[in-house]
Amino acid sequence: MNQPIGRPKAERKTRRRTEPKEVRRTQLIDATINSIAKHGIAGTTLSTVTEDAGLSLGIVNFHFASKQKLLEETLLYLAREHHEHWKKAHDDAGLSAAEKLLAIVDAHFHPRICTRKKLAVWFAFYGEAGRRAVYRQLVDAIDVERYELSADLCRQLAAAGEHAGPPPELVARTLEALYDGLCLNILMYPGIFTRERAKAQVRAYLASVFPAPFAMPEF
């Protein structure tokens, strides 16, 4: 008699419940991302999360004291994921200032980071007045670090060649605004705006400001 493919459903559930602590936390955060993308923050409950994760309510309560704590940890998870991605490239001593700046740009639109589900979480926090203060408190330091490093790279580029455009600090501020605006377009209009097009638009801006190190992309 043919054996069923894979493990029995009951065994799979048991294995998920006995996974190491960090694996279970990641499962719950992934489930929270899925729930927010589907139901929004208001519609996300511990029940919608546990149903998606295939875990019990008791396990959620063991790892996260409340829904609020789960939401905060989910946002921090996304912020750290993005930070670690671009920081590793930025810290590569073999890269030029232009290449490091592009590493920061490209990290915003990496296919593992710039997904519609993950963008939905970011903008859910942006969109709810009661969550904005939480967002600022949790990830301000990461945002400030990125801006300051970007501004320093822009200053290096301005000093290295002809630069008659905006001050480097303003260029870095504009980049931050472009990231948010383009990510919102990807979330709202996925059939029109793509990650590759978003990267090209930011690169076009950089080429207009620093024509020597950046080539104007083709659209």
Protein backbone atom coordinates (compact mmCIF):
# COMPACT_ATOMS: atom_id res chain seq x y z
CA MET A 1 0.00 0.00 0.00
CA ASN A 2 1.30 3.44 -0.89
CA GLN A 3 2.47 5.56 2.06
CA PRO A 4 1.18 9.14 2.34
CA ILE A 5 3.62 11.82 1.26
CA GLY A 6 5.10 13.81 4.15
CA ARG A 7 4.39 13.51 7.85
CA PRO A 8 0.87 13.15 9.31
CA LYS A 9 -0.84 16.43 10.13
CA ALA A 10 -0.92 15.66 13.87
CA GLU A 11 2.81 14.94 13.89
CA ARG A 12 3.54 18.19 12.01
CA LYS A 13 1.57 20.16 14.62
CA THR A 14 3.42 18.43 17.46
CA ARG A 15 6.77 19.24 15.91
CA ARG A 16 5.78 22.90 15.47
CA ARG A 17 4.84 23.13 19.15
CA THR A 18 8.18 21.68 20.26
CA GLU A 19 10.40 23.85 18.08
CA PRO A 20 13.21 25.83 19.77
CA LYS A 21 12.19 29.13 21.36
CA GLU A 22 13.53 31.42 18.63
CA VAL A 23 11.90 29.32 15.90
CA ARG A 24 8.51 29.60 17.61
CA ARG A 25 8.92 33.34 18.09
CA THR A 26 9.68 33.70 14.38
CA GLN A 27 6.63 31.58 13.53
CA LEU A 28 4.45 33.88 15.59
CA ILE A 29 5.95 37.02 14.08
CA ASP A 30 5.47 35.64 10.55
CA ALA A 31 1.87 34.84 11.44
CA THR A 32 1.40 38.38 12.78
CA ILE A 33 2.70 39.81 9.50
CA ASN A 34 0.22 37.63 7.61
CA SER A 35 -2.64 38.67 9.90
CA ILE A 36 -1.93 42.39 9.66
CA ALA A 37 -1.67 42.14 5.87
CA LYS A 38 -5.08 40.43 5.80
CA HIS A 39 -6.99 42.04 8.68
CA GLY A 40 -5.08 45.22 9.60
CA ILE A 41 -3.90 45.99 13.12
CA ALA A 42 -7.41 46.42 14.56
CA GLY A 43 -8.53 43.10 13.09
CA THR A 44 -5.45 41.22 14.22
CA THR A 45 -6.02 39.28 17.41
CA LEU A 46 -4.10 36.60 19.24
CA SER A 47 -6.62 34.17 17.76
CA THR A 48 -5.93 35.19 14.15
CA VAL A 49 -2.21 34.86 14.83
CA THR A 50 -2.42 31.44 16.48
CA GLU A 51 -4.68 30.15 13.73
CA ASP A 52 -2.16 31.19 11.08
CA ALA A 53 0.81 29.85 13.04
CA GLY A 54 -0.86 26.58 14.00
CA LEU A 55 0.07 27.18 17.63
CA SER A 56 -1.90 27.43 20.85
CA LEU A 57 -2.89 30.62 22.62
CA GLY A 58 -0.83 29.50 25.58
CA ILE A 59 2.35 29.48 23.49
CA VAL A 60 1.67 33.04 22.31
CA ASN A 61 1.15 34.19 25.89
CA PHE A 62 4.37 32.45 26.91
CA HIS A 63 6.46 34.32 24.32
CA PHE A 64 4.58 37.63 24.22
CA ALA A 65 2.78 39.07 27.23
CA SER A 66 0.12 40.81 25.13
CA LYS A 67 -1.03 41.66 21.63
CA GLN A 68 0.70 45.02 21.98
CA LYS A 69 4.02 43.33 22.78
CA LEU A 70 3.60 40.98 19.82
CA LEU A 71 2.94 43.92 17.49
CA GLU A 72 5.96 45.81 18.79
CA GLU A 73 8.24 42.80 18.40
CA THR A 74 6.97 42.28 14.87
CA LEU A 75 7.81 45.86 13.93
CA LEU A 76 11.26 45.57 15.54
CA TYR A 77 11.86 42.32 13.68
CA LEU A 78 11.22 44.03 10.34
CA ALA A 79 13.35 47.05 11.27
CA ARG A 80 16.29 44.89 12.33
CA GLU A 81 15.98 42.69 9.24
CA HIS A 82 16.26 45.75 7.02
CA HIS A 83 19.02 47.32 9.11
CA GLU A 84 21.20 44.21 9.09
CA HIS A 85 20.79 43.84 5.34
CA TRP A 86 22.12 47.27 4.35
CA LYS A 87 24.52 47.71 7.28
CA LYS A 88 26.55 44.66 6.26
CA ALA A 89 27.09 46.11 2.77
CA HIS A 90 27.72 49.61 4.11
CA ASP A 91 30.46 48.33 6.41
CA ASP A 92 32.32 46.59 3.56
CA ALA A 93 35.62 48.50 3.43
CA GLY A 94 36.10 47.57 -0.21
CA LEU A 95 33.07 49.54 -1.40
CA SER A 96 33.15 53.14 -2.57
CA ALA A 97 30.88 55.80 -1.10
CA ALA A 98 28.61 55.52 -4.14
CA GLU A 99 28.40 51.72 -3.82
CA LYS A 100 27.60 51.97 -0.12
CA LEU A 101 24.82 54.46 -0.81
CA LEU A 102 23.40 52.14 -3.46
CA ALA A 103 23.52 49.29 -0.95
CA ILE A 104 21.23 51.31 1.32
CA VAL A 105 18.96 52.09 -1.63
CA ASP A 106 18.78 48.50 -2.82
CA ALA A 107 18.08 47.15 0.68
CA HIS A 108 14.78 49.02 0.74
CA PHE A 109 13.60 47.12 -2.33
CA HIS A 110 15.17 43.72 -1.75
CA PRO A 111 12.65 40.94 -2.58
CA ARG A 112 12.96 39.43 0.92
CA ILE A 113 12.33 42.78 2.60
CA CYS A 114 10.05 44.71 0.25
CA THR A 115 7.05 42.39 0.17
CA ARG A 116 3.48 43.61 0.18
CA LYS A 117 2.81 41.78 3.46
CA LYS A 118 5.74 43.44 5.21
CA LEU A 119 4.94 46.82 3.72
CA ALA A 120 1.40 46.44 5.02
CA VAL A 121 2.79 46.16 8.56
CA TRP A 122 4.90 49.33 8.18
CA PHE A 123 2.02 51.38 6.82
CA ALA A 124 -0.42 49.98 9.35
CA PHE A 125 1.74 51.58 12.04
CA TYR A 126 2.08 54.78 9.99
CA GLY A 127 -1.67 54.97 9.44
CA GLU A 128 -2.97 54.57 12.97
CA ALA A 129 -2.54 57.67 15.12
CA GLY A 130 -2.20 55.61 18.26
CA ARG A 131 0.66 53.56 16.78
CA ARG A 132 2.85 56.37 15.43
CA ALA A 133 4.37 57.19 18.79
CA VAL A 134 5.14 53.49 19.30
CA TYR A 135 6.76 53.35 15.87
CA ARG A 136 8.94 56.35 16.64
CA GLN A 137 9.96 55.00 20.02
CA LEU A 138 10.92 51.59 18.64
CA VAL A 139 12.76 52.41 15.43
CA ASP A 140 13.82 56.06 15.60
CA ALA A 141 17.42 55.12 16.42
CA ILE A 142 17.63 52.88 13.34
CA ASP A 143 16.13 55.55 11.09
CA VAL A 144 18.46 58.23 12.44
CA GLU A 145 21.50 56.00 11.97
CA ARG A 146 20.56 55.36 8.34
CA TYR A 147 20.01 59.03 7.64
CA GLU A 148 23.29 60.08 9.25
CA LEU A 149 25.30 57.46 7.36
CA SER A 150 23.58 58.43 4.10
CA ALA A 151 24.27 62.12 4.72
CA ASP A 152 27.94 61.34 5.38
CA LEU A 153 28.16 59.36 2.14
CA CYS A 154 26.53 62.25 0.27
CA ARG A 155 29.06 64.64 1.76
CA GLN A 156 31.89 62.39 0.56
CA LEU A 157 30.40 62.28 -2.94
CA ALA A 158 29.94 66.05 -3.02
CA ALA A 159 33.54 66.61 -1.97
CA ALA A 160 34.90 64.17 -4.54
CA GLY A 161 33.49 65.85 -7.66
CA GLU A 162 31.33 68.54 -9.16
CA HIS A 163 28.18 69.03 -7.18
CA ALA A 164 25.92 71.99 -7.77
CA GLY A 165 22.76 70.41 -6.42
CA PRO A 166 21.09 70.46 -3.01
CA PRO A 167 23.20 70.22 0.16
CA PRO A 168 24.19 66.63 0.98
CA GLU A 169 21.98 66.60 4.05
CA LEU A 170 18.96 67.55 1.95
CA VAL A 171 19.79 64.81 -0.54
CA ALA A 172 19.78 62.28 2.30
CA ARG A 173 16.42 63.62 3.56
CA THR A 174 14.98 63.35 0.06
CA LEU A 175 16.15 59.76 -0.20
CA GLU A 176 14.27 58.93 3.00
CA ALA A 177 11.10 60.47 1.56
CA LEU A 178 11.56 58.58 -1.72
CA TYR A 179 11.85 55.26 0.09
CA ASP A 180 8.55 55.78 1.91
CA GLY A 181 6.69 57.10 -1.12
CA LEU A 182 7.85 54.38 -3.49
CA CYS A 183 7.14 51.63 -0.96
CA LEU A 184 3.61 52.99 -0.59
CA ASN A 185 3.20 52.88 -4.37
CA ILE A 186 4.38 49.25 -4.44
CA LEU A 187 1.84 48.38 -1.75
CA MET A 188 -1.06 50.24 -3.33
CA TYR A 189 -0.40 49.65 -7.05
CA PRO A 190 1.50 46.35 -7.42
CA GLY A 191 0.53 45.99 -11.08
CA ILE A 192 2.19 49.31 -11.94
CA PHE A 193 5.01 49.86 -9.46
CA THR A 194 7.70 47.20 -9.04
CA ARG A 195 10.77 46.91 -6.86
CA GLU A 196 13.06 47.26 -9.87
CA ARG A 197 11.28 50.38 -11.07
CA ALA A 198 11.49 51.87 -7.59
CA LYS A 199 15.24 51.27 -7.46
CA ALA A 200 15.61 52.84 -10.90
CA GLN A 201 13.72 55.95 -9.78
CA VAL A 202 15.99 56.44 -6.78
CA ARG A 203 19.07 55.84 -8.92
CA ALA A 204 17.79 58.43 -11.40
CA TYR A 205 17.54 60.96 -8.59
CA LEU A 206 21.08 60.19 -7.47
CA ALA A 207 22.34 60.49 -11.05
CA SER A 208 20.74 63.92 -11.34
CA VAL A 209 22.46 65.07 -8.13
CA PHE A 210 25.79 63.25 -8.49
CA PRO A 211 26.26 62.66 -12.25
CA ALA A 212 29.87 61.49 -11.98
CA PRO A 213 29.49 58.34 -9.82
CA PHE A 214 25.93 57.43 -10.81
CA ALA A 215 24.69 56.54 -14.30
CA MET A 216 21.17 57.49 -15.32
CA PRO A 217 19.18 54.23 -15.55
CA GLU A 218 17.05 53.26 -18.52
CA PHE A 219 13.29 53.11 -18.05
